Protein backbone atom coordinates (compact mmCIF):
# COMPACT_ATOMS: atom_id res chain seq x y z
CA MET A 1 0.00 0.00 0.00
CA LYS A 2 1.01 3.65 -0.39
CA VAL A 3 1.83 5.80 2.64
CA ALA A 4 2.91 9.45 2.85
CA VAL A 5 5.96 9.72 5.12
CA TYR A 6 6.62 13.13 6.66
CA TYR A 7 10.23 14.35 6.97
CA ASN A 8 9.50 18.08 6.95
CA ASN A 9 6.91 20.38 5.40
CA ASN A 10 8.75 20.33 2.07
CA ASP A 11 9.74 16.67 2.14
CA ILE A 12 6.82 14.26 2.21
CA ARG A 13 7.61 11.00 0.45
CA LEU A 14 5.18 8.51 -1.02
CA GLU A 15 6.46 5.07 -0.02
CA GLU A 16 5.29 1.47 -0.32
CA ARG A 17 4.60 -0.62 2.78
CA PRO A 18 2.80 -3.91 3.39
CA ILE A 19 -0.86 -3.64 4.31
CA PRO A 20 -0.91 -3.98 8.13
CA SER A 21 -1.89 -7.29 9.69
CA ILE A 22 -4.52 -7.10 12.40
CA SER A 23 -4.77 -9.07 15.62
CA GLU A 24 -7.63 -10.06 17.88
CA ASN A 25 -10.07 -7.20 18.65
CA GLU A 26 -8.55 -4.95 15.98
CA ILE A 27 -9.94 -3.69 12.67
CA LEU A 28 -8.45 -2.67 9.33
CA VAL A 29 -9.82 0.51 7.77
CA LYS A 30 -9.45 1.67 4.19
CA MET A 31 -8.87 5.42 4.25
CA LYS A 32 -11.52 7.41 2.37
CA ALA A 33 -10.63 10.90 3.62
CA SER A 34 -8.01 12.34 5.97
CA GLY A 35 -7.75 15.99 6.96
CA ILE A 36 -4.52 17.96 7.19
CA CYS A 37 -4.49 19.57 10.64
CA GLY A 38 -2.69 22.77 11.57
CA THR A 39 -0.53 20.72 13.93
CA ASP A 40 0.54 18.50 11.02
CA VAL A 41 2.30 21.47 9.45
CA MET A 42 3.92 22.74 12.67
CA GLN A 43 7.37 21.70 11.51
CA TRP A 44 9.15 22.66 14.76
CA TYR A 45 6.78 20.36 16.63
CA ARG A 46 6.70 17.43 14.20
CA ILE A 47 10.32 17.25 13.11
CA LYS A 48 11.46 15.80 16.46
CA LYS A 49 9.72 12.51 15.66
CA THR A 50 10.34 12.20 11.94
CA PRO A 51 10.14 10.26 9.76
CA ARG A 52 6.56 9.19 10.40
CA VAL A 53 3.17 8.84 8.74
CA LEU A 54 0.95 11.63 10.04
CA GLY A 55 -2.81 12.04 9.81
CA HIS A 56 -5.23 11.91 12.74
CA GLU A 57 -8.49 13.15 11.17
CA MET A 58 -9.30 9.96 9.29
CA SER A 59 -12.54 8.40 8.11
CA GLY A 60 -12.92 5.25 6.08
CA GLU A 61 -14.49 1.87 5.49
CA ILE A 62 -13.87 -1.24 7.57
CA VAL A 63 -12.38 -3.94 5.33
CA ALA A 64 -11.31 -6.55 7.90
CA LEU A 65 -12.27 -7.52 11.45
CA GLY A 66 -10.12 -9.27 14.01
CA LYS A 67 -11.49 -12.10 16.10
CA GLY A 68 -13.64 -10.77 18.93
CA VAL A 69 -14.88 -7.60 17.22
CA GLU A 70 -18.65 -7.67 17.62
CA ASN A 71 -19.92 -4.11 17.27
CA PHE A 72 -18.80 -3.50 13.70
CA ARG A 73 -19.11 -5.17 10.31
CA LYS A 74 -17.16 -5.13 7.07
CA GLY A 75 -18.31 -2.21 4.99
CA ASP A 76 -19.18 0.02 7.94
CA ARG A 77 -18.42 3.70 7.38
CA VAL A 78 -16.49 4.98 10.39
CA PHE A 79 -14.56 7.83 11.90
CA VAL A 80 -11.62 6.69 14.06
CA SER A 81 -10.10 8.76 16.88
CA HIS A 82 -6.33 8.51 17.13
CA HIS A 83 -6.28 9.38 20.86
CA VAL A 84 -8.51 7.57 23.34
CA PRO A 85 -8.58 7.47 27.16
CA CYS A 86 -8.21 4.29 29.20
CA TYR A 87 -11.22 4.97 31.49
CA LYS A 88 -9.25 3.40 34.38
CA CYS A 89 -6.60 5.88 35.56
CA HIS A 90 -6.93 8.61 38.19
CA HIS A 91 -7.61 11.29 35.56
CA CYS A 92 -10.30 9.24 33.82
CA VAL A 93 -12.02 8.43 37.13
CA GLN A 94 -12.17 12.20 37.74
CA GLY A 95 -13.68 12.72 34.28
CA ASN A 96 -10.56 14.47 33.00
CA TYR A 97 -10.19 12.24 29.97
CA THR A 98 -7.85 14.50 28.00
CA ALA A 99 -5.31 14.26 30.85
CA CYS A 100 -5.11 10.47 30.47
CA GLU A 101 -1.65 9.16 29.57
CA SER A 102 -3.17 6.68 27.12
CA LEU A 103 -4.93 9.51 25.30
CA HIS A 104 -1.64 11.37 24.94
CA THR A 105 0.44 8.41 23.78
CA GLY A 106 -1.87 6.07 21.87
CA ASN A 107 -2.43 6.12 18.13
CA TYR A 108 -3.47 4.01 15.18
CA ASP A 109 -0.95 2.47 12.80
CA PRO A 110 0.15 3.98 10.50
CA GLY A 111 -1.28 7.51 10.46
CA GLY A 112 -4.24 8.51 8.34
CA PHE A 113 -2.16 9.54 5.32
CA SER A 114 -2.02 5.95 4.13
CA GLU A 115 -4.27 3.65 2.14
CA TYR A 116 -4.98 1.27 5.03
CA ILE A 117 -4.85 1.75 8.80
CA ARG A 118 -4.68 -0.82 11.59
CA VAL A 119 -6.89 0.26 14.48
CA PRO A 120 -5.72 -1.10 17.88
CA GLU A 121 -8.12 -2.65 20.38
CA ASP A 122 -8.55 0.42 22.60
CA ASN A 123 -9.22 2.64 19.59
CA VAL A 124 -11.79 0.13 18.34
CA ARG A 125 -13.50 0.06 21.73
CA TYR A 126 -13.41 3.77 22.60
CA GLY A 127 -12.59 5.64 19.41
CA THR A 128 -14.41 4.11 16.45
CA PHE A 129 -17.73 5.74 15.56
CA LEU A 130 -20.28 4.78 12.91
CA LEU A 131 -21.02 7.64 10.54
CA PRO A 132 -24.65 8.72 10.07
CA GLY A 133 -25.80 8.41 6.48
CA VAL A 134 -25.90 12.17 5.94
CA VAL A 135 -22.27 12.62 7.04
CA THR A 136 -19.84 12.10 4.17
CA PHE A 137 -16.31 10.78 4.59
CA GLU A 138 -14.99 14.27 3.91
CA ASP A 139 -17.39 15.83 6.42
CA ALA A 140 -16.08 13.30 8.94
CA THR A 141 -12.55 14.71 8.75
CA MET A 142 -13.95 17.67 10.71
CA ILE A 143 -15.24 15.54 13.59
CA GLU A 144 -11.97 15.55 15.54
CA PRO A 145 -11.30 19.30 15.08
CA LEU A 146 -14.85 20.11 16.16
CA GLY A 147 -14.52 17.73 19.11
CA CYS A 148 -11.44 19.65 20.23
CA VAL A 149 -13.34 22.93 19.95
CA ILE A 150 -16.18 21.49 22.03
CA SER A 151 -13.68 20.33 24.65
CA GLY A 152 -12.08 23.78 24.79
CA GLN A 153 -15.37 25.62 25.12
CA ASN A 154 -16.48 23.23 27.87
CA GLN A 155 -14.03 25.09 30.09
CA LEU A 156 -15.50 28.51 29.41
CA GLY A 157 -19.10 28.35 30.59
CA LEU A 158 -20.08 30.48 27.61
CA LYS A 159 -23.50 32.11 28.08
CA LYS A 160 -26.01 33.56 25.66
CA GLY A 161 -25.38 37.24 25.06
CA GLN A 162 -21.70 37.21 26.00
CA THR A 163 -19.11 38.68 23.66
CA VAL A 164 -16.51 36.23 22.38
CA LEU A 165 -13.35 37.50 20.71
CA ILE A 166 -11.83 34.86 18.44
CA ILE A 167 -8.25 35.63 17.48
CA GLY A 168 -7.30 33.80 14.30
CA SER A 169 -9.91 32.80 11.74
CA GLY A 170 -8.46 29.61 10.33
CA VAL A 171 -10.14 26.22 10.66
CA SER A 172 -10.25 26.15 14.46
CA GLY A 173 -11.25 29.80 14.65
CA ILE A 174 -14.18 29.28 12.30
CA LEU A 175 -15.32 26.22 14.23
CA HIS A 176 -15.20 28.34 17.41
CA ILE A 177 -17.22 31.03 15.62
CA GLN A 178 -19.92 28.56 14.64
CA LEU A 179 -20.10 26.86 18.04
CA SER A 180 -20.22 30.22 19.84
CA LYS A 181 -23.11 31.32 17.63
CA VAL A 182 -24.96 28.07 18.37
CA LYS A 183 -24.71 29.08 22.05
CA GLY A 184 -26.08 32.56 21.38
CA ALA A 185 -22.91 34.61 21.76
CA LYS A 186 -21.90 37.79 19.97
CA VAL A 187 -18.75 36.97 18.02
CA ILE A 188 -15.97 39.33 16.98
CA ALA A 189 -13.29 37.60 14.91
CA THR A 190 -9.83 38.79 13.96
CA ASP A 191 -7.12 37.81 11.51
CA ILE A 192 -4.44 39.47 9.41
CA ASN A 193 -5.59 37.74 6.21
CA GLU A 194 -8.51 39.24 4.27
CA TYR A 195 -9.47 35.85 2.82
CA LYS A 196 -9.96 34.46 6.32
CA LEU A 197 -11.78 37.56 7.53
CA ASN A 198 -14.27 37.14 4.69
CA LYS A 199 -14.65 33.48 5.60
CA ALA A 200 -15.27 34.40 9.23
CA LEU A 201 -18.12 36.68 8.17
CA GLY A 202 -19.52 33.98 5.95
CA PHE A 203 -19.59 31.52 8.84
CA GLY A 204 -21.44 33.79 11.21
CA ALA A 205 -19.10 36.27 12.90
CA ASP A 206 -21.00 39.44 13.81
CA THR A 207 -17.96 41.64 13.17
CA VAL A 208 -14.48 41.02 11.80
CA ILE A 209 -11.35 43.04 12.52
CA ASN A 210 -7.98 43.14 10.82
CA ALA A 211 -5.63 42.49 13.74
CA ASN A 212 -2.88 44.56 12.12
CA THR A 213 -4.87 47.78 12.12
CA CYS A 214 -7.46 47.67 14.90
CA SER A 215 -6.84 49.46 18.21
CA LEU A 216 -8.31 48.65 21.60
CA ASP A 217 -10.45 51.80 21.40
CA GLU A 218 -11.86 50.59 18.08
CA PHE A 219 -12.65 47.20 19.60
CA LYS A 220 -14.52 48.83 22.49
CA ARG A 221 -16.46 51.03 20.07
CA ILE A 222 -17.61 47.93 18.21
CA ASN A 223 -18.58 46.23 21.49
CA ASN A 224 -20.66 48.93 23.22
CA ASN A 225 -17.61 50.37 25.01
CA ARG A 226 -16.85 47.02 26.63
CA LEU A 227 -14.06 44.49 26.43
CA ALA A 228 -14.71 40.84 25.62
CA ASP A 229 -16.16 38.38 28.11
CA ILE A 230 -14.15 35.59 26.53
CA ALA A 231 -11.10 35.57 24.25
CA ILE A 232 -10.20 32.41 22.33
CA VAL A 233 -6.70 32.37 20.87
CA CYS A 234 -6.55 30.36 17.64
CA ALA A 235 -3.24 31.73 16.38
CA ALA A 236 0.26 30.92 17.57
CA ALA A 237 1.87 34.34 17.18
CA ARG A 238 2.90 36.37 20.22
CA LYS A 239 0.70 39.26 19.06
CA ALA A 240 -2.33 36.98 19.35
CA LEU A 241 -1.48 36.45 23.01
CA GLU A 242 -1.00 40.18 23.54
CA ASP A 243 -4.33 40.97 21.87
CA ALA A 244 -6.13 38.46 24.09
CA VAL A 245 -4.57 39.84 27.27
CA SER A 246 -5.48 43.44 26.43
CA SER A 247 -9.00 42.70 25.15
CA VAL A 248 -10.58 40.64 27.93
CA ASP A 249 -12.86 42.23 30.53
CA ARG A 250 -12.91 41.83 34.31
CA LYS A 251 -13.92 38.30 35.37
CA GLY A 252 -13.22 37.34 31.76
CA LYS A 253 -11.67 34.16 30.44
CA ILE A 254 -8.91 33.45 27.94
CA LEU A 255 -8.66 30.09 26.20
CA PHE A 256 -5.33 29.34 24.52
CA PHE A 257 -6.53 26.92 21.87
CA ALA A 258 -3.63 27.16 19.42
CA VAL A 259 -0.19 25.89 20.37
CA PRO A 260 1.85 29.01 21.29
CA GLU A 261 5.04 29.57 19.29
CA GLN A 262 6.91 30.20 22.53
CA ASP A 263 6.35 30.32 26.26
CA ILE A 264 3.97 33.05 27.32
CA THR A 265 4.13 35.75 29.98
CA ILE A 266 0.97 37.13 31.55
CA PRO A 267 0.43 40.37 33.54
CA SER A 268 -0.24 38.56 36.81
CA VAL A 269 -1.03 41.68 38.87
CA ARG A 270 -3.73 42.82 36.45
CA PHE A 271 -5.11 39.28 36.16
CA TRP A 272 -5.23 39.04 39.96
CA ARG A 273 -6.98 42.37 40.31
CA ASP A 274 -9.46 41.73 37.48
CA GLU A 275 -9.89 38.01 38.25
CA ILE A 276 -9.02 36.85 34.75
CA THR A 277 -9.12 33.11 34.15
CA VAL A 278 -6.55 31.59 31.78
CA THR A 279 -7.00 28.07 30.45
CA PHE A 280 -5.59 25.78 27.77
CA SER A 281 -7.09 22.94 25.80
CA TYR A 282 -5.69 19.74 24.32
CA GLY A 283 -7.56 17.05 22.44
CA ALA A 284 -11.09 15.73 22.80
CA SER A 285 -12.80 13.00 24.78
CA PRO A 286 -15.10 10.37 23.22
CA ASP A 287 -18.06 12.36 24.58
CA ASP A 288 -16.83 15.45 22.73
CA ILE A 289 -16.52 13.39 19.55
CA GLN A 290 -20.10 12.14 19.92
CA LYS A 291 -21.33 15.71 20.32
CA ALA A 292 -19.35 16.77 17.25
CA ILE A 293 -20.95 14.02 15.17
CA SER A 294 -24.39 15.15 16.34
CA LEU A 295 -23.73 18.81 15.50
CA ILE A 296 -22.51 17.88 12.02
CA LYS A 297 -25.36 15.43 11.42
CA ASN A 298 -27.97 18.01 12.41
CA ARG A 299 -26.28 20.79 10.41
CA ARG A 300 -25.83 22.96 13.50
CA VAL A 301 -22.21 23.43 12.43
CA ASN A 302 -21.51 23.64 8.70
CA VAL A 303 -18.29 21.77 8.01
CA LYS A 304 -18.91 20.99 4.35
CA ARG A 305 -18.29 24.57 3.23
CA MET A 306 -15.07 24.70 5.25
CA ILE A 307 -13.43 22.10 3.01
CA THR A 308 -11.83 24.23 0.31
CA HIS A 309 -9.36 21.78 -1.24
CA ARG A 310 -9.17 18.04 -1.96
CA VAL A 311 -5.88 16.44 -2.97
CA PRO A 312 -5.05 12.83 -3.86
CA LEU A 313 -2.69 10.92 -1.58
CA SER A 314 -0.13 10.87 -4.40
CA ASP A 315 -0.10 14.70 -4.40
CA ILE A 316 -0.10 15.22 -0.64
CA ARG A 317 2.87 17.62 -0.94
CA LYS A 318 0.52 20.12 -2.57
CA GLY A 319 -1.91 19.66 0.30
CA PHE A 320 0.78 20.38 2.87
CA GLN A 321 1.86 23.46 0.94
CA LEU A 322 -1.71 24.77 0.89
CA ALA A 323 -2.23 24.03 4.58
CA SER A 324 1.10 25.49 5.74
CA GLU A 325 0.73 28.71 3.73
CA ALA A 326 -3.01 28.92 4.54
CA LYS A 327 -3.45 32.11 2.53
CA THR A 328 -6.33 31.02 0.30
CA SER A 329 -7.47 27.79 1.92
CA LEU A 330 -9.31 26.56 4.98
CA LYS A 331 -9.56 22.79 5.28
CA VAL A 332 -7.44 20.63 3.00
CA VAL A 333 -8.50 16.99 2.77
CA VAL A 334 -6.48 14.06 1.41
CA VAL A 335 -8.43 11.35 -0.43
CA PRO A 336 -7.46 8.14 -2.26
CA ASP A 337 -6.22 8.70 -5.79
CA GLN A 338 -9.16 6.84 -7.31
CA ASP A 339 -11.67 9.14 -5.58
CA ILE A 340 -10.45 12.34 -7.24
């Protein structure tokens, strides 16, 4: 089978490997669509573990079942989570599933940028989800990103009528826009790219701001002379951090959703005085994934229009270029060559 092996953002090699063998309680999935995530193109983060087959937003069709698998059949259309909790450790018992060591270290084999994927027992049990008929394979590549957004917003207690500032209007930013609007929030979105600002408006932002030109006074004018109740940082740049810190109101909350480019410094005296809450988010639990599937199925969140580019596995380099530059693209999805 063909696999795409990542060495760096400009060096992704199509290689041949044997189709994986599966053991008891495992399944073999034929990849039908696999999304390129923003973390896939974070070269500084990925290069430490290269070479490897990336891809963790994978949907496909079950083509083989190991002995003992009872809840699935050949031909089932599924989304498979790469990270799953153990449900046994201290963190899981507390309900903090994204803190589970198994969730942080587990994966399927190889990654989703391959023609076939072996799904280990725990991922079969806790991370394999049947797709509703109305959810396409390509739609399903957005399940994991939306699950992560749900997990992040779970920490915020977002209420109807609050103002949410979303800094960075790429894929995660636009998912945060849509989910915030579902909850009845007023959304102000920022970016430095006009293409993304237009996309943010198209997906429901009440107001968009070019982060390069807008002042704090201008932001307050837009928001009835108030700062934001919640700021969600979906960009890695230091300026995004600075904008969040300066834009959040007393008793406000900041969610660092994107991976920061470098360690951050916060104005602790001001945050103490104004009781600002700072939180981070990593991954999604199976419950978050189930909620994401429901939102997509019921068209509460429109993921179909977010997919701007499809590339065949054999041309995945083009997909990585589009995703890393991200100037005129949102979601880039890799599909089998025969499906183009």
